[in-house]
Amino acid sequence: MVAVDISEDNDHELNQLGWWSHWAKLIWFSKQCYAFLSRVLSEPLFNHSEFLDPGAYGAELLPEIEVAFQREGLTPSFFVKDIEGYHIIGEKLRANGYRVIDQLSVMKMVSASFNGNAEVKPEVIGEDGIERWCETYLLSFYEENDLLVDVMEIAERALKDRRTKLILAIYDGVPAGTLALYETEKIGGVYCVGTLPRFRRSGVASTMLKFAYELSREDGKKLALQTFLTDSLERFYMERGFRRAYIKDVLVKSE
């Protein structure tokens, strides 16, 4: 169990809530319970419910949440913080047929340490660069572009939010990686960090992170990000100055 400052915890949560609300439909079941639902992107990241306060869980709320998922043809899932006060929610969900399939590490920058590549040129793109950013994002994460039209709509929507900066890394004259920086009151949230397979281990991600760190520092924000433990990238981020703030269990309804 990781002890965290609750106010800082809320800063992280509000940042990710704002960013992912551009990617999936946001539904509120109470003032402290919401769900993201997406028919386009199937992963739990885009399809999960979460409680902002451990006291918000109620047995009468669970069926309502599950119906909302089932109405969209989706498997119900939850993100539950592995911190004091939230463990009872995980226990109740497991008693109702949920199982932990992964964990999400929420990390914050404590001491920047970047070994970037001077040949990698990160740039903040505008509307005219959205298609290149989306193509690079999809090829980095999925190695295909089938969702290009849908993701372009998402990126266009996100870019209209002035808190969003979409960053494209150029290497050898071509797009090589993506990153999104979403700034709220205290946090510069890093999302969508991806590198095209042929450019991996070339310092692309490190250079983009350094660029995002410099931008957020100029704006007086603390840099933060999220990574799934199954992606095996937590050590990569730790080596660049991030540390784990807290963990969330990813629970999915067993079929």
C-alpha atoms as a PDB file:
ATOM      1  CA  MET A   1       0.000   0.000   0.000  1.00  0.00           C
ATOM      2  CA  VAL A   2       1.334   3.433  -0.962  1.00  0.00           C
ATOM      3  CA  ALA A   3       0.704   6.467   1.219  1.00  0.00           C
ATOM      4  CA  VAL A   4      -0.102   9.583  -0.842  1.00  0.00           C
ATOM      5  CA  ASP A   5      -1.151  13.137  -0.252  1.00  0.00           C
ATOM      6  CA  ILE A   6      -4.910  13.192  -0.854  1.00  0.00           C
ATOM      7  CA  SER A   7      -4.991  16.658  -2.411  1.00  0.00           C
ATOM      8  CA  GLU A   8      -2.258  15.644  -4.860  1.00  0.00           C
ATOM      9  CA  ASP A   9      -4.119  12.406  -5.510  1.00  0.00           C
ATOM     10  CA  ASN A  10      -7.168  14.452  -6.534  1.00  0.00           C
ATOM     11  CA  ASP A  11      -5.038  16.613  -8.844  1.00  0.00           C
ATOM     12  CA  HIS A  12      -3.925  13.491 -10.697  1.00  0.00           C
ATOM     13  CA  GLU A  13      -7.474  12.163 -10.904  1.00  0.00           C
ATOM     14  CA  LEU A  14      -8.958  15.406 -12.232  1.00  0.00           C
ATOM     15  CA  ASN A  15      -6.236  15.629 -14.843  1.00  0.00           C
ATOM     16  CA  GLN A  16      -6.800  12.145 -16.227  1.00  0.00           C
ATOM     17  CA  LEU A  17     -10.557  12.607 -16.014  1.00  0.00           C
ATOM     18  CA  GLY A  18     -10.344  15.708 -18.188  1.00  0.00           C
ATOM     19  CA  TRP A  19      -8.038  14.128 -20.750  1.00  0.00           C
ATOM     20  CA  TRP A  20      -9.827  10.806 -21.261  1.00  0.00           C
ATOM     21  CA  SER A  21     -13.224  12.527 -21.431  1.00  0.00           C
ATOM     22  CA  HIS A  22     -12.183  13.521 -24.971  1.00  0.00           C
ATOM     23  CA  TRP A  23     -11.676   9.854 -25.870  1.00  0.00           C
ATOM     24  CA  ALA A  24     -14.776   8.202 -24.441  1.00  0.00           C
ATOM     25  CA  LYS A  25     -18.303   9.040 -23.380  1.00  0.00           C
ATOM     26  CA  LEU A  26     -18.323  10.222 -19.771  1.00  0.00           C
ATOM     27  CA  ILE A  27     -21.305   9.211 -17.606  1.00  0.00           C
ATOM     28  CA  TRP A  28     -21.798  10.236 -13.979  1.00  0.00           C
ATOM     29  CA  PHE A  29     -23.745   7.903 -11.683  1.00  0.00           C
ATOM     30  CA  SER A  30     -23.243  10.147  -8.661  1.00  0.00           C
ATOM     31  CA  LYS A  31     -21.054  13.104  -7.737  1.00  0.00           C
ATOM     32  CA  GLN A  32     -18.251  10.666  -6.901  1.00  0.00           C
ATOM     33  CA  CYS A  33     -18.747   7.858  -9.420  1.00  0.00           C
ATOM     34  CA  TYR A  34     -18.341   7.942 -13.187  1.00  0.00           C
ATOM     35  CA  ALA A  35     -17.683   5.693 -16.163  1.00  0.00           C
ATOM     36  CA  PHE A  36     -15.922   6.037 -19.504  1.00  0.00           C
ATOM     37  CA  LEU A  37     -17.578   4.135 -22.353  1.00  0.00           C
ATOM     38  CA  SER A  38     -16.253   3.741 -25.904  1.00  0.00           C
ATOM     39  CA  ARG A  39     -17.479   1.608 -28.781  1.00  0.00           C
ATOM     40  CA  VAL A  40     -14.394   2.567 -30.793  1.00  0.00           C
ATOM     41  CA  LEU A  41     -11.580   1.665 -28.381  1.00  0.00           C
ATOM     42  CA  SER A  42     -12.150  -1.586 -26.541  1.00  0.00           C
ATOM     43  CA  GLU A  43      -9.486  -1.546 -23.802  1.00  0.00           C
ATOM     44  CA  PRO A  44     -10.441  -0.996 -20.135  1.00  0.00           C
ATOM     45  CA  LEU A  45      -8.540   2.329 -20.271  1.00  0.00           C
ATOM     46  CA  PHE A  46     -11.398   3.691 -22.375  1.00  0.00           C
ATOM     47  CA  ASN A  47     -14.108   1.575 -20.734  1.00  0.00           C
ATOM     48  CA  HIS A  48     -14.153   1.580 -16.956  1.00  0.00           C
ATOM     49  CA  SER A  49     -15.940   2.967 -13.949  1.00  0.00           C
ATOM     50  CA  GLU A  50     -14.259   4.584 -10.987  1.00  0.00           C
ATOM     51  CA  PHE A  51     -15.068   5.974  -7.550  1.00  0.00           C
ATOM     52  CA  LEU A  52     -13.477   9.290  -6.638  1.00  0.00           C
ATOM     53  CA  ASP A  53     -14.335   8.685  -2.995  1.00  0.00           C
ATOM     54  CA  PRO A  54     -14.299   5.257  -1.315  1.00  0.00           C
ATOM     55  CA  GLY A  55     -17.565   6.051   0.439  1.00  0.00           C
ATOM     56  CA  ALA A  56     -19.318   6.438  -2.913  1.00  0.00           C
ATOM     57  CA  TYR A  57     -19.631   2.681  -3.468  1.00  0.00           C
ATOM     58  CA  GLY A  58     -23.091   1.287  -2.934  1.00  0.00           C
ATOM     59  CA  ALA A  59     -24.581  -2.124  -3.676  1.00  0.00           C
ATOM     60  CA  GLU A  60     -27.520  -0.413  -5.359  1.00  0.00           C
ATOM     61  CA  LEU A  61     -25.167   1.487  -7.698  1.00  0.00           C
ATOM     62  CA  LEU A  62     -23.356  -1.546  -9.104  1.00  0.00           C
ATOM     63  CA  PRO A  63     -26.309  -2.916 -11.163  1.00  0.00           C
ATOM     64  CA  GLU A  64     -26.883   0.544 -12.665  1.00  0.00           C
ATOM     65  CA  ILE A  65     -23.248   0.776 -13.717  1.00  0.00           C
ATOM     66  CA  GLU A  66     -23.239  -2.735 -15.172  1.00  0.00           C
ATOM     67  CA  VAL A  67     -26.385  -2.039 -17.187  1.00  0.00           C
ATOM     68  CA  ALA A  68     -24.730   1.047 -18.703  1.00  0.00           C
ATOM     69  CA  PHE A  69     -21.825  -1.104 -19.909  1.00  0.00           C
ATOM     70  CA  GLN A  70     -24.055  -3.884 -21.180  1.00  0.00           C
ATOM     71  CA  ARG A  71     -26.220  -1.393 -23.063  1.00  0.00           C
ATOM     72  CA  GLU A  72     -23.128  -0.438 -25.054  1.00  0.00           C
ATOM     73  CA  GLY A  73     -22.137  -4.072 -25.584  1.00  0.00           C
ATOM     74  CA  LEU A  74     -19.159  -3.706 -23.235  1.00  0.00           C
ATOM     75  CA  THR A  75     -17.771  -5.801 -20.383  1.00  0.00           C
ATOM     76  CA  PRO A  76     -18.052  -3.939 -17.042  1.00  0.00           C
ATOM     77  CA  SER A  77     -14.716  -2.983 -15.511  1.00  0.00           C
ATOM     78  CA  PHE A  78     -13.425  -0.792 -12.671  1.00  0.00           C
ATOM     79  CA  PHE A  79     -10.257   1.017 -11.712  1.00  0.00           C
ATOM     80  CA  VAL A  80      -9.830   0.901  -7.927  1.00  0.00           C
ATOM     81  CA  LYS A  81      -7.004   2.623  -6.051  1.00  0.00           C
ATOM     82  CA  ASP A  82      -4.792   0.357  -3.983  1.00  0.00           C
ATOM     83  CA  ILE A  83      -4.730   2.773  -1.057  1.00  0.00           C
ATOM     84  CA  GLU A  84      -6.328   2.860   2.359  1.00  0.00           C
ATOM     85  CA  GLY A  85     -10.090   3.209   2.229  1.00  0.00           C
ATOM     86  CA  TYR A  86     -10.524   1.724  -1.248  1.00  0.00           C
ATOM     87  CA  HIS A  87      -9.707  -1.915  -0.466  1.00  0.00           C
ATOM     88  CA  ILE A  88     -13.282  -2.605   0.604  1.00  0.00           C
ATOM     89  CA  ILE A  89     -14.462  -1.660  -2.902  1.00  0.00           C
ATOM     90  CA  GLY A  90     -12.118  -4.207  -4.465  1.00  0.00           C
ATOM     91  CA  GLU A  91     -13.328  -6.864  -2.037  1.00  0.00           C
ATOM     92  CA  LYS A  92     -16.968  -6.158  -2.861  1.00  0.00           C
ATOM     93  CA  LEU A  93     -16.307  -6.224  -6.598  1.00  0.00           C
ATOM     94  CA  ARG A  94     -14.448  -9.532  -6.360  1.00  0.00           C
ATOM     95  CA  ALA A  95     -17.400 -10.923  -4.390  1.00  0.00           C
ATOM     96  CA  ASN A  96     -19.583  -9.896  -7.343  1.00  0.00           C
ATOM     97  CA  GLY A  97     -17.562 -11.745  -9.969  1.00  0.00           C
ATOM     98  CA  TYR A  98     -14.771  -9.301 -10.823  1.00  0.00           C
ATOM     99  CA  ARG A  99     -11.103 -10.241 -11.104  1.00  0.00           C
ATOM    100  CA  VAL A 100      -7.900  -8.197 -11.272  1.00  0.00           C
ATOM    101  CA  ILE A 101      -6.343  -8.385 -14.758  1.00  0.00           C
ATOM    102  CA  ASP A 102      -3.746  -5.620 -14.473  1.00  0.00           C
ATOM    103  CA  GLN A 103      -2.571  -2.647 -12.418  1.00  0.00           C
ATOM    104  CA  LEU A 104      -2.148   0.977 -13.429  1.00  0.00           C
ATOM    105  CA  SER A 105       0.756   2.895 -11.924  1.00  0.00           C
ATOM    106  CA  VAL A 106       0.166   6.620 -11.468  1.00  0.00           C
ATOM    107  CA  MET A 107       3.582   8.297 -11.472  1.00  0.00           C
ATOM    108  CA  LYS A 108       4.909  11.787 -10.828  1.00  0.00           C
ATOM    109  CA  MET A 109       8.170  13.485 -11.743  1.00  0.00           C
ATOM    110  CA  VAL A 110      10.464  14.019  -8.764  1.00  0.00           C
ATOM    111  CA  SER A 111      13.918  14.469 -10.334  1.00  0.00           C
ATOM    112  CA  ALA A 112      14.228  14.840 -14.099  1.00  0.00           C
ATOM    113  CA  SER A 113      16.891  12.638 -15.699  1.00  0.00           C
ATOM    114  CA  PHE A 114      16.667  12.493 -19.480  1.00  0.00           C
ATOM    115  CA  ASN A 115      19.101  11.058 -22.004  1.00  0.00           C
ATOM    116  CA  GLY A 116      17.408  12.232 -25.159  1.00  0.00           C
ATOM    117  CA  ASN A 117      18.523  12.225 -28.771  1.00  0.00           C
ATOM    118  CA  ALA A 118      19.507  15.602 -30.218  1.00  0.00           C
ATOM    119  CA  GLU A 119      18.477  14.376 -33.665  1.00  0.00           C
ATOM    120  CA  VAL A 120      14.884  13.878 -32.491  1.00  0.00           C
ATOM    121  CA  LYS A 121      12.881  17.086 -32.921  1.00  0.00           C
ATOM    122  CA  PRO A 122       9.645  17.269 -30.881  1.00  0.00           C
ATOM    123  CA  GLU A 123       7.106  19.836 -32.013  1.00  0.00           C
ATOM    124  CA  VAL A 124       3.703  20.985 -30.796  1.00  0.00           C
ATOM    125  CA  ILE A 125       1.323  20.470 -33.695  1.00  0.00           C
ATOM    126  CA  GLY A 126      -1.767  22.438 -34.669  1.00  0.00           C
ATOM    127  CA  GLU A 127      -4.863  21.410 -36.576  1.00  0.00           C
ATOM    128  CA  ASP A 128      -2.874  20.888 -39.774  1.00  0.00           C
ATOM    129  CA  GLY A 129      -0.779  18.216 -38.049  1.00  0.00           C
ATOM    130  CA  ILE A 130      -3.584  16.147 -36.540  1.00  0.00           C
ATOM    131  CA  GLU A 131      -3.627  13.491 -39.256  1.00  0.00           C
ATOM    132  CA  ARG A 132       0.145  12.890 -38.983  1.00  0.00           C
ATOM    133  CA  TRP A 133      -0.113  12.740 -35.176  1.00  0.00           C
ATOM    134  CA  CYS A 134      -3.000  10.250 -35.301  1.00  0.00           C
ATOM    135  CA  GLU A 135      -1.340   8.052 -37.914  1.00  0.00           C
ATOM    136  CA  THR A 136       1.831   7.917 -35.830  1.00  0.00           C
ATOM    137  CA  TYR A 137      -0.127   7.235 -32.632  1.00  0.00           C
ATOM    138  CA  LEU A 138      -2.054   4.342 -34.175  1.00  0.00           C
ATOM    139  CA  LEU A 139       0.985   2.776 -35.821  1.00  0.00           C
ATOM    140  CA  SER A 140       2.903   3.078 -32.551  1.00  0.00           C
ATOM    141  CA  PHE A 141       0.230   1.448 -30.403  1.00  0.00           C
ATOM    142  CA  TYR A 142      -1.638  -0.837 -32.813  1.00  0.00           C
ATOM    143  CA  GLU A 143       0.629  -1.082 -35.879  1.00  0.00           C
ATOM    144  CA  GLU A 144      -2.357  -0.321 -38.109  1.00  0.00           C
ATOM    145  CA  ASN A 145      -4.427   2.687 -39.131  1.00  0.00           C
ATOM    146  CA  ASP A 146      -7.937   1.212 -39.222  1.00  0.00           C
ATOM    147  CA  LEU A 147      -9.209   3.663 -36.576  1.00  0.00           C
ATOM    148  CA  LEU A 148      -7.747   6.767 -38.213  1.00  0.00           C
ATOM    149  CA  VAL A 149     -11.042   8.561 -38.861  1.00  0.00           C
ATOM    150  CA  ASP A 150     -12.304   7.913 -35.326  1.00  0.00           C
ATOM    151  CA  VAL A 151      -9.042   8.915 -33.636  1.00  0.00           C
ATOM    152  CA  MET A 152      -8.810  12.063 -35.750  1.00  0.00           C
ATOM    153  CA  GLU A 153     -12.220  13.093 -34.449  1.00  0.00           C
ATOM    154  CA  ILE A 154     -10.973  12.502 -30.899  1.00  0.00           C
ATOM    155  CA  ALA A 155      -7.767  14.482 -31.477  1.00  0.00           C
ATOM    156  CA  GLU A 156      -9.671  17.366 -33.062  1.00  0.00           C
ATOM    157  CA  ARG A 157     -11.982  17.465 -30.057  1.00  0.00           C
ATOM    158  CA  ALA A 158      -9.055  17.327 -27.629  1.00  0.00           C
ATOM    159  CA  LEU A 159      -7.156  20.072 -29.402  1.00  0.00           C
ATOM    160  CA  LYS A 160     -10.093  22.444 -29.031  1.00  0.00           C
ATOM    161  CA  ASP A 161      -9.471  22.181 -25.289  1.00  0.00           C
ATOM    162  CA  ARG A 162      -6.742  24.773 -24.731  1.00  0.00           C
ATOM    163  CA  ARG A 163      -5.264  22.615 -21.984  1.00  0.00           C
ATOM    164  CA  THR A 164      -4.125  20.140 -24.660  1.00  0.00           C
ATOM    165  CA  LYS A 165      -0.797  20.053 -26.475  1.00  0.00           C
ATOM    166  CA  LEU A 166      -0.229  17.304 -29.048  1.00  0.00           C
ATOM    167  CA  ILE A 167       3.462  16.613 -29.551  1.00  0.00           C
ATOM    168  CA  LEU A 168       4.919  14.878 -32.595  1.00  0.00           C
ATOM    169  CA  ALA A 169       8.547  13.708 -32.673  1.00  0.00           C
ATOM    170  CA  ILE A 170      10.389  14.033 -35.988  1.00  0.00           C
ATOM    171  CA  TYR A 171      13.427  11.817 -36.594  1.00  0.00           C
ATOM    172  CA  ASP A 172      15.328  11.562 -39.868  1.00  0.00           C
ATOM    173  CA  GLY A 173      12.742  13.905 -41.350  1.00  0.00           C
ATOM    174  CA  VAL A 174       9.719  11.690 -40.638  1.00  0.00           C
ATOM    175  CA  PRO A 175       7.245  11.297 -37.735  1.00  0.00           C
ATOM    176  CA  ALA A 176       8.632   8.858 -35.169  1.00  0.00           C
ATOM    177  CA  GLY A 177       6.508   9.194 -32.006  1.00  0.00           C
ATOM    178  CA  THR A 178       3.641  10.889 -30.213  1.00  0.00           C
ATOM    179  CA  LEU A 179       2.900  12.381 -26.826  1.00  0.00           C
ATOM    180  CA  ALA A 180      -0.027  14.377 -25.453  1.00  0.00           C
ATOM    181  CA  LEU A 181       0.357  16.922 -22.661  1.00  0.00           C
ATOM    182  CA  TYR A 182      -2.811  17.902 -20.795  1.00  0.00           C
ATOM    183  CA  GLU A 183      -2.409  20.694 -18.258  1.00  0.00           C
ATOM    184  CA  THR A 184      -4.788  21.325 -15.392  1.00  0.00           C
ATOM    185  CA  GLU A 185      -4.281  23.642 -12.414  1.00  0.00           C
ATOM    186  CA  LYS A 186      -1.244  21.875 -10.937  1.00  0.00           C
ATOM    187  CA  ILE A 187      -0.531  18.913 -13.195  1.00  0.00           C
ATOM    188  CA  GLY A 188       0.958  18.444 -16.629  1.00  0.00           C
ATOM    189  CA  GLY A 189      -0.440  15.036 -17.515  1.00  0.00           C
ATOM    190  CA  VAL A 190       1.516  12.982 -20.068  1.00  0.00           C
ATOM    191  CA  TYR A 191      -0.512  10.610 -22.237  1.00  0.00           C
ATOM    192  CA  CYS A 192      -0.276   8.648 -25.510  1.00  0.00           C
ATOM    193  CA  VAL A 193       3.510   8.208 -25.354  1.00  0.00           C
ATOM    194  CA  GLY A 194       4.244   6.018 -28.355  1.00  0.00           C
ATOM    195  CA  THR A 195       7.142   5.359 -30.719  1.00  0.00           C
ATOM    196  CA  LEU A 196       6.985   3.709 -34.144  1.00  0.00           C
ATOM    197  CA  PRO A 197       8.512   0.206 -33.900  1.00  0.00           C
ATOM    198  CA  ARG A 198      11.458   0.981 -36.197  1.00  0.00           C
ATOM    199  CA  PHE A 199      12.492   3.973 -34.063  1.00  0.00           C
ATOM    200  CA  ARG A 200      12.328   2.342 -30.639  1.00  0.00           C
ATOM    201  CA  ARG A 201      15.471   2.460 -28.476  1.00  0.00           C
ATOM    202  CA  SER A 202      16.540   5.593 -30.342  1.00  0.00           C
ATOM    203  CA  GLY A 203      15.717   8.081 -27.570  1.00  0.00           C
ATOM    204  CA  VAL A 204      12.457   9.205 -29.137  1.00  0.00           C
ATOM    205  CA  ALA A 205      10.290   8.764 -26.040  1.00  0.00           C
ATOM    206  CA  SER A 206      12.952  10.221 -23.728  1.00  0.00           C
ATOM    207  CA  THR A 207      13.290  13.298 -25.931  1.00  0.00           C
ATOM    208  CA  MET A 208       9.529  13.833 -26.020  1.00  0.00           C
ATOM    209  CA  LEU A 209       9.324  13.462 -22.235  1.00  0.00           C
ATOM    210  CA  LYS A 210      12.099  16.010 -21.788  1.00  0.00           C
ATOM    211  CA  PHE A 211      10.252  18.394 -24.099  1.00  0.00           C
ATOM    212  CA  ALA A 212       6.984  17.877 -22.168  1.00  0.00           C
ATOM    213  CA  TYR A 213       8.826  18.403 -18.875  1.00  0.00           C
ATOM    214  CA  GLU A 214      10.231  21.714 -20.095  1.00  0.00           C
ATOM    215  CA  LEU A 215       6.823  22.878 -21.291  1.00  0.00           C
ATOM    216  CA  SER A 216       5.107  21.942 -18.040  1.00  0.00           C
ATOM    217  CA  ARG A 217       7.848  23.514 -15.934  1.00  0.00           C
ATOM    218  CA  GLU A 218       7.452  26.788 -17.845  1.00  0.00           C
ATOM    219  CA  ASP A 219       3.754  26.714 -16.956  1.00  0.00           C
ATOM    220  CA  GLY A 220       4.447  25.883 -13.299  1.00  0.00           C
ATOM    221  CA  LYS A 221       3.013  22.355 -13.518  1.00  0.00           C
ATOM    222  CA  LYS A 222       4.225  19.054 -12.088  1.00  0.00           C
ATOM    223  CA  LEU A 223       4.650  16.325 -14.673  1.00  0.00           C
ATOM    224  CA  ALA A 224       2.670  13.085 -14.148  1.00  0.00           C
ATOM    225  CA  LEU A 225       1.731  10.018 -16.154  1.00  0.00           C
ATOM    226  CA  GLN A 226       0.115   6.589 -16.007  1.00  0.00           C
ATOM    227  CA  THR A 227       1.400   3.218 -17.177  1.00  0.00           C
ATOM    228  CA  PHE A 228      -0.008  -0.298 -17.007  1.00  0.00           C
ATOM    229  CA  LEU A 229       2.308  -2.737 -15.245  1.00  0.00           C
ATOM    230  CA  THR A 230       1.799  -5.336 -17.987  1.00  0.00           C
ATOM    231  CA  ASP A 231       3.408  -2.889 -20.439  1.00  0.00           C
ATOM    232  CA  SER A 232       6.644  -3.222 -18.415  1.00  0.00           C
ATOM    233  CA  LEU A 233       7.484   0.484 -18.748  1.00  0.00           C
ATOM    234  CA  GLU A 234       7.448   1.559 -15.113  1.00  0.00           C
ATOM    235  CA  ARG A 235      11.217   1.055 -14.774  1.00  0.00           C
ATOM    236  CA  PHE A 236      11.766   3.093 -17.964  1.00  0.00           C
ATOM    237  CA  TYR A 237       9.911   6.022 -16.414  1.00  0.00           C
ATOM    238  CA  MET A 238      11.650   5.613 -13.051  1.00  0.00           C
ATOM    239  CA  GLU A 239      15.026   5.867 -14.776  1.00  0.00           C
ATOM    240  CA  ARG A 240      13.900   9.226 -16.167  1.00  0.00           C
ATOM    241  CA  GLY A 241      12.955  10.661 -12.798  1.00  0.00           C
ATOM    242  CA  PHE A 242       9.387   9.521 -12.154  1.00  0.00           C
ATOM    243  CA  ARG A 243       8.285   7.654  -9.064  1.00  0.00           C
ATOM    244  CA  ARG A 244       5.124   5.740  -8.300  1.00  0.00           C
ATOM    245  CA  ALA A 245       2.507   7.825  -6.504  1.00  0.00           C
ATOM    246  CA  TYR A 246      -0.083   5.055  -6.195  1.00  0.00           C
ATOM    247  CA  ILE A 247      -1.479   1.995  -7.942  1.00  0.00           C
ATOM    248  CA  LYS A 248      -4.929   1.167  -9.270  1.00  0.00           C
ATOM    249  CA  ASP A 249      -6.234  -2.369  -9.690  1.00  0.00           C
ATOM    250  CA  VAL A 250      -7.976  -3.048 -13.000  1.00  0.00           C
ATOM    251  CA  LEU A 251     -10.961  -5.298 -12.302  1.00  0.00           C
ATOM    252  CA  VAL A 252     -13.052  -6.847 -15.061  1.00  0.00           C
ATOM    253  CA  LYS A 253     -16.312  -8.763 -14.736  1.00  0.00           C
ATOM    254  CA  SER A 254     -15.736 -12.465 -15.331  1.00  0.00           C
ATOM    255  CA  GLU A 255     -17.871 -13.954 -18.068  1.00  0.00           C
END
